[in-house]
């Protein structure tokens, strides 16, 4: 489990370091092209949820983010869910959630910077971590969440 905390910390650190670099080098120029026609790095102040949805609900997102982070911590430590897929999803969601929470608390908005041609909203590393974590969580609930219950019922 200690390794999980290390990964959460690495996600937060990477997210904040990249955002710092975007503020220092991209904010003044607005946008740079990394792969023409595919990937740009852009500076956007996102006052909404992931990918720019629901602008202007800062306190709502802070509260929901805190509740979700605490819920994952509860399920990991008190419910002792130790399925690797669930833990990977939790690490990504917690790390991404904290990365964006830091921005919301300190700036009042989230710094977004990844702009790909096939997906209109500009987002950031934390948003992608949350999205991938949510996808893994869906897989866990679809295919693995009954595993423990099935094992318990077979031993009775």
C-alpha atoms as a PDB file:
ATOM      1  CA  UNK A   1       0.000   0.000   0.000  1.00  0.00           C
ATOM      2  CA  UNK A   2       2.967   2.284   0.596  1.00  0.00           C
ATOM      3  CA  UNK A   3       3.748   1.962  -3.101  1.00  0.00           C
ATOM      4  CA  UNK A   4       0.232   3.260  -3.834  1.00  0.00           C
ATOM      5  CA  UNK A   5       0.953   6.422  -1.845  1.00  0.00           C
ATOM      6  CA  UNK A   6       4.211   6.840  -3.770  1.00  0.00           C
ATOM      7  CA  UNK A   7       2.306   6.658  -7.072  1.00  0.00           C
ATOM      8  CA  UNK A   8      -0.330   9.128  -5.827  1.00  0.00           C
ATOM      9  CA  UNK A   9       2.502  11.483  -4.850  1.00  0.00           C
ATOM     10  CA  UNK A  10       4.191  11.058  -8.240  1.00  0.00           C
ATOM     11  CA  UNK A  11       0.951  11.870 -10.070  1.00  0.00           C
ATOM     12  CA  UNK A  12       0.453  14.996  -7.959  1.00  0.00           C
ATOM     13  CA  UNK A  13       4.087  16.057  -8.376  1.00  0.00           C
ATOM     14  CA  UNK A  14       4.088  15.503 -12.153  1.00  0.00           C
ATOM     15  CA  UNK A  15       0.765  17.318 -12.526  1.00  0.00           C
ATOM     16  CA  UNK A  16       1.905  20.344 -10.535  1.00  0.00           C
ATOM     17  CA  UNK A  17       5.351  20.514 -12.172  1.00  0.00           C
ATOM     18  CA  UNK A  18       3.858  20.401 -15.663  1.00  0.00           C
ATOM     19  CA  UNK A  19       1.313  23.089 -14.747  1.00  0.00           C
ATOM     20  CA  UNK A  20       4.135  25.247 -13.375  1.00  0.00           C
ATOM     21  CA  UNK A  21       6.036  24.901 -16.646  1.00  0.00           C
ATOM     22  CA  UNK A  22       2.909  25.712 -18.648  1.00  0.00           C
ATOM     23  CA  UNK A  23       2.384  28.876 -16.597  1.00  0.00           C
ATOM     24  CA  UNK A  24       6.053  29.875 -16.968  1.00  0.00           C
ATOM     25  CA  UNK A  25       6.507  29.128 -20.672  1.00  0.00           C
ATOM     26  CA  UNK A  26       3.141  28.750 -22.412  1.00  0.00           C
ATOM     27  CA  UNK A  27       0.895  31.331 -20.730  1.00  0.00           C
ATOM     28  CA  UNK A  28       2.658  34.237 -22.410  1.00  0.00           C
ATOM     29  CA  UNK A  29       2.610  32.703 -25.912  1.00  0.00           C
ATOM     30  CA  UNK A  30      -0.818  31.054 -25.568  1.00  0.00           C
ATOM     31  CA  UNK A  31      -0.074  27.825 -27.407  1.00  0.00           C
ATOM     32  CA  UNK A  32       2.735  25.813 -28.974  1.00  0.00           C
ATOM     33  CA  UNK A  33       2.483  22.976 -31.471  1.00  0.00           C
ATOM     34  CA  UNK A  34       4.060  19.677 -30.473  1.00  0.00           C
ATOM     35  CA  UNK A  35       2.749  17.446 -33.282  1.00  0.00           C
ATOM     36  CA  UNK A  36       1.252  19.505 -36.149  1.00  0.00           C
ATOM     37  CA  UNK A  37      -2.423  18.744 -36.704  1.00  0.00           C
ATOM     38  CA  UNK A  38      -2.565  16.514 -33.624  1.00  0.00           C
ATOM     39  CA  UNK A  39      -1.156  17.876 -30.331  1.00  0.00           C
ATOM     40  CA  UNK A  40      -0.722  21.391 -28.985  1.00  0.00           C
ATOM     41  CA  UNK A  41       0.185  22.620 -25.526  1.00  0.00           C
ATOM     42  CA  UNK A  42      -2.066  25.493 -24.585  1.00  0.00           C
ATOM     43  CA  UNK A  43      -2.736  27.576 -21.474  1.00  0.00           C
ATOM     44  CA  UNK A  44      -6.386  27.480 -20.334  1.00  0.00           C
ATOM     45  CA  UNK A  45      -7.923  28.486 -17.015  1.00  0.00           C
ATOM     46  CA  UNK A  46     -10.679  25.949 -16.404  1.00  0.00           C
ATOM     47  CA  UNK A  47     -13.270  27.035 -13.864  1.00  0.00           C
ATOM     48  CA  UNK A  48     -15.375  23.916 -14.436  1.00  0.00           C
ATOM     49  CA  UNK A  49     -15.064  20.156 -14.125  1.00  0.00           C
ATOM     50  CA  UNK A  50     -12.839  17.841 -16.132  1.00  0.00           C
ATOM     51  CA  UNK A  51     -12.589  18.865 -19.785  1.00  0.00           C
ATOM     52  CA  UNK A  52     -14.252  22.226 -19.082  1.00  0.00           C
ATOM     53  CA  UNK A  53     -17.769  21.062 -18.237  1.00  0.00           C
ATOM     54  CA  UNK A  54     -19.971  23.010 -15.767  1.00  0.00           C
ATOM     55  CA  UNK A  55     -18.020  26.267 -15.552  1.00  0.00           C
ATOM     56  CA  UNK A  56     -18.295  28.316 -12.360  1.00  0.00           C
ATOM     57  CA  UNK A  57     -19.142  25.647  -9.746  1.00  0.00           C
ATOM     58  CA  UNK A  58     -15.826  25.883  -7.867  1.00  0.00           C
ATOM     59  CA  UNK A  59     -17.083  25.019  -4.374  1.00  0.00           C
ATOM     60  CA  UNK A  60     -19.290  22.215  -5.656  1.00  0.00           C
ATOM     61  CA  UNK A  61     -16.275  20.605  -7.343  1.00  0.00           C
ATOM     62  CA  UNK A  62     -14.109  21.043  -4.259  1.00  0.00           C
ATOM     63  CA  UNK A  63     -16.714  19.322  -2.075  1.00  0.00           C
ATOM     64  CA  UNK A  64     -17.395  16.509  -4.560  1.00  0.00           C
ATOM     65  CA  UNK A  65     -13.652  15.948  -5.070  1.00  0.00           C
ATOM     66  CA  UNK A  66     -13.013  15.751  -1.338  1.00  0.00           C
ATOM     67  CA  UNK A  67     -15.912  13.326  -0.857  1.00  0.00           C
ATOM     68  CA  UNK A  68     -14.680  11.092  -3.690  1.00  0.00           C
ATOM     69  CA  UNK A  69     -11.092  11.061  -2.414  1.00  0.00           C
ATOM     70  CA  UNK A  70     -12.255  10.210   1.108  1.00  0.00           C
ATOM     71  CA  UNK A  71     -14.578   7.509  -0.273  1.00  0.00           C
ATOM     72  CA  UNK A  72     -11.711   5.791  -2.087  1.00  0.00           C
ATOM     73  CA  UNK A  73      -9.537   5.975   1.017  1.00  0.00           C
ATOM     74  CA  UNK A  74     -12.436   4.490   3.040  1.00  0.00           C
ATOM     75  CA  UNK A  75     -12.875   1.579   0.618  1.00  0.00           C
ATOM     76  CA  UNK A  76      -9.159   0.850   0.510  1.00  0.00           C
ATOM     77  CA  UNK A  77      -8.478   0.977   4.241  1.00  0.00           C
ATOM     78  CA  UNK A  78     -11.749   0.226   6.035  1.00  0.00           C
ATOM     79  CA  UNK A  79     -13.445  -2.066   3.512  1.00  0.00           C
ATOM     80  CA  UNK A  80     -10.036  -3.524   2.648  1.00  0.00           C
ATOM     81  CA  UNK A  81     -10.664  -3.796  -1.077  1.00  0.00           C
ATOM     82  CA  UNK A  82      -7.292  -4.942  -2.332  1.00  0.00           C
ATOM     83  CA  UNK A  83      -8.092  -5.909  -5.913  1.00  0.00           C
ATOM     84  CA  UNK A  84      -5.224  -4.594  -8.051  1.00  0.00           C
ATOM     85  CA  UNK A  85      -7.559  -3.097 -10.642  1.00  0.00           C
ATOM     86  CA  UNK A  86      -9.512  -1.248  -7.941  1.00  0.00           C
ATOM     87  CA  UNK A  87      -6.275  -0.029  -6.348  1.00  0.00           C
ATOM     88  CA  UNK A  88      -4.877   1.194  -9.685  1.00  0.00           C
ATOM     89  CA  UNK A  89      -8.135   3.037 -10.400  1.00  0.00           C
ATOM     90  CA  UNK A  90      -8.110   4.535  -6.910  1.00  0.00           C
ATOM     91  CA  UNK A  91      -4.493   5.692  -7.208  1.00  0.00           C
ATOM     92  CA  UNK A  92      -5.206   7.451 -10.513  1.00  0.00           C
ATOM     93  CA  UNK A  93      -8.424   9.065  -9.279  1.00  0.00           C
ATOM     94  CA  UNK A  94      -6.975  10.172  -5.935  1.00  0.00           C
ATOM     95  CA  UNK A  95      -3.772  11.541  -7.520  1.00  0.00           C
ATOM     96  CA  UNK A  96      -5.635  13.371 -10.275  1.00  0.00           C
ATOM     97  CA  UNK A  97      -8.269  14.632  -7.871  1.00  0.00           C
ATOM     98  CA  UNK A  98      -5.696  16.047  -5.478  1.00  0.00           C
ATOM     99  CA  UNK A  99      -3.727  17.584  -8.369  1.00  0.00           C
ATOM    100  CA  UNK A 100      -6.794  19.519  -9.530  1.00  0.00           C
ATOM    101  CA  UNK A 101      -7.849  20.326  -5.944  1.00  0.00           C
ATOM    102  CA  UNK A 102      -4.531  22.050  -5.355  1.00  0.00           C
ATOM    103  CA  UNK A 103      -5.292  24.348  -8.306  1.00  0.00           C
ATOM    104  CA  UNK A 104      -8.860  25.022  -7.167  1.00  0.00           C
ATOM    105  CA  UNK A 105      -7.719  25.914  -3.635  1.00  0.00           C
ATOM    106  CA  UNK A 106      -4.718  28.022  -4.628  1.00  0.00           C
ATOM    107  CA  UNK A 107      -5.880  29.608  -7.898  1.00  0.00           C
ATOM    108  CA  UNK A 108      -9.665  29.266  -7.966  1.00  0.00           C
ATOM    109  CA  UNK A 109      -9.431  27.398 -11.296  1.00  0.00           C
ATOM    110  CA  UNK A 110      -7.600  24.438 -12.828  1.00  0.00           C
ATOM    111  CA  UNK A 111      -4.790  24.917 -15.337  1.00  0.00           C
ATOM    112  CA  UNK A 112      -5.416  22.864 -18.478  1.00  0.00           C
ATOM    113  CA  UNK A 113      -2.903  22.479 -21.297  1.00  0.00           C
ATOM    114  CA  UNK A 114      -3.298  19.310 -23.402  1.00  0.00           C
ATOM    115  CA  UNK A 115      -5.085  20.062 -26.671  1.00  0.00           C
ATOM    116  CA  UNK A 116      -5.527  17.199 -29.123  1.00  0.00           C
ATOM    117  CA  UNK A 117      -7.162  17.597 -32.528  1.00  0.00           C
ATOM    118  CA  UNK A 118      -9.734  14.802 -32.119  1.00  0.00           C
ATOM    119  CA  UNK A 119     -10.978  15.875 -28.660  1.00  0.00           C
ATOM    120  CA  UNK A 120     -12.047  19.529 -28.395  1.00  0.00           C
ATOM    121  CA  UNK A 121     -11.749  20.214 -24.626  1.00  0.00           C
ATOM    122  CA  UNK A 122      -8.320  21.229 -23.346  1.00  0.00           C
ATOM    123  CA  UNK A 123      -7.387  19.164 -20.289  1.00  0.00           C
ATOM    124  CA  UNK A 124      -4.428  18.193 -18.118  1.00  0.00           C
ATOM    125  CA  UNK A 125      -2.591  15.172 -16.715  1.00  0.00           C
ATOM    126  CA  UNK A 126      -4.873  15.050 -13.657  1.00  0.00           C
ATOM    127  CA  UNK A 127      -7.970  14.947 -15.886  1.00  0.00           C
ATOM    128  CA  UNK A 128      -6.528  12.030 -17.860  1.00  0.00           C
ATOM    129  CA  UNK A 129      -5.597  10.206 -14.646  1.00  0.00           C
ATOM    130  CA  UNK A 130      -9.148  10.640 -13.353  1.00  0.00           C
ATOM    131  CA  UNK A 131     -10.619   9.491 -16.690  1.00  0.00           C
ATOM    132  CA  UNK A 132      -8.406   6.412 -16.982  1.00  0.00           C
ATOM    133  CA  UNK A 133      -9.057   5.644 -13.303  1.00  0.00           C
ATOM    134  CA  UNK A 134     -12.804   5.902 -13.894  1.00  0.00           C
ATOM    135  CA  UNK A 135     -12.485   3.520 -16.851  1.00  0.00           C
ATOM    136  CA  UNK A 136     -10.543   1.021 -14.740  1.00  0.00           C
ATOM    137  CA  UNK A 137     -13.113   1.398 -11.971  1.00  0.00           C
ATOM    138  CA  UNK A 138     -15.878   0.588 -14.439  1.00  0.00           C
ATOM    139  CA  UNK A 139     -14.000  -2.551 -15.507  1.00  0.00           C
ATOM    140  CA  UNK A 140     -13.580  -3.500 -11.855  1.00  0.00           C
ATOM    141  CA  UNK A 141     -17.301  -3.142 -11.143  1.00  0.00           C
ATOM    142  CA  UNK A 142     -18.301  -4.972 -14.339  1.00  0.00           C
ATOM    143  CA  UNK A 143     -15.958  -7.939 -13.973  1.00  0.00           C
ATOM    144  CA  UNK A 144     -14.321  -8.170 -10.543  1.00  0.00           C
ATOM    145  CA  UNK A 145     -16.396  -6.600  -7.768  1.00  0.00           C
ATOM    146  CA  UNK A 146     -18.382  -9.798  -7.181  1.00  0.00           C
ATOM    147  CA  UNK A 147     -15.189 -11.848  -6.833  1.00  0.00           C
ATOM    148  CA  UNK A 148     -14.932 -11.462  -3.040  1.00  0.00           C
ATOM    149  CA  UNK A 149     -18.654 -12.055  -2.516  1.00  0.00           C
ATOM    150  CA  UNK A 150     -18.492 -15.249  -4.611  1.00  0.00           C
ATOM    151  CA  UNK A 151     -15.500 -16.507  -2.635  1.00  0.00           C
ATOM    152  CA  UNK A 152     -17.250 -15.794   0.668  1.00  0.00           C
ATOM    153  CA  UNK A 153     -20.456 -17.557  -0.367  1.00  0.00           C
ATOM    154  CA  UNK A 154     -18.524 -20.648  -1.546  1.00  0.00           C
ATOM    155  CA  UNK A 155     -16.810 -21.076   1.809  1.00  0.00           C
ATOM    156  CA  UNK A 156     -20.049 -20.985   3.802  1.00  0.00           C
END
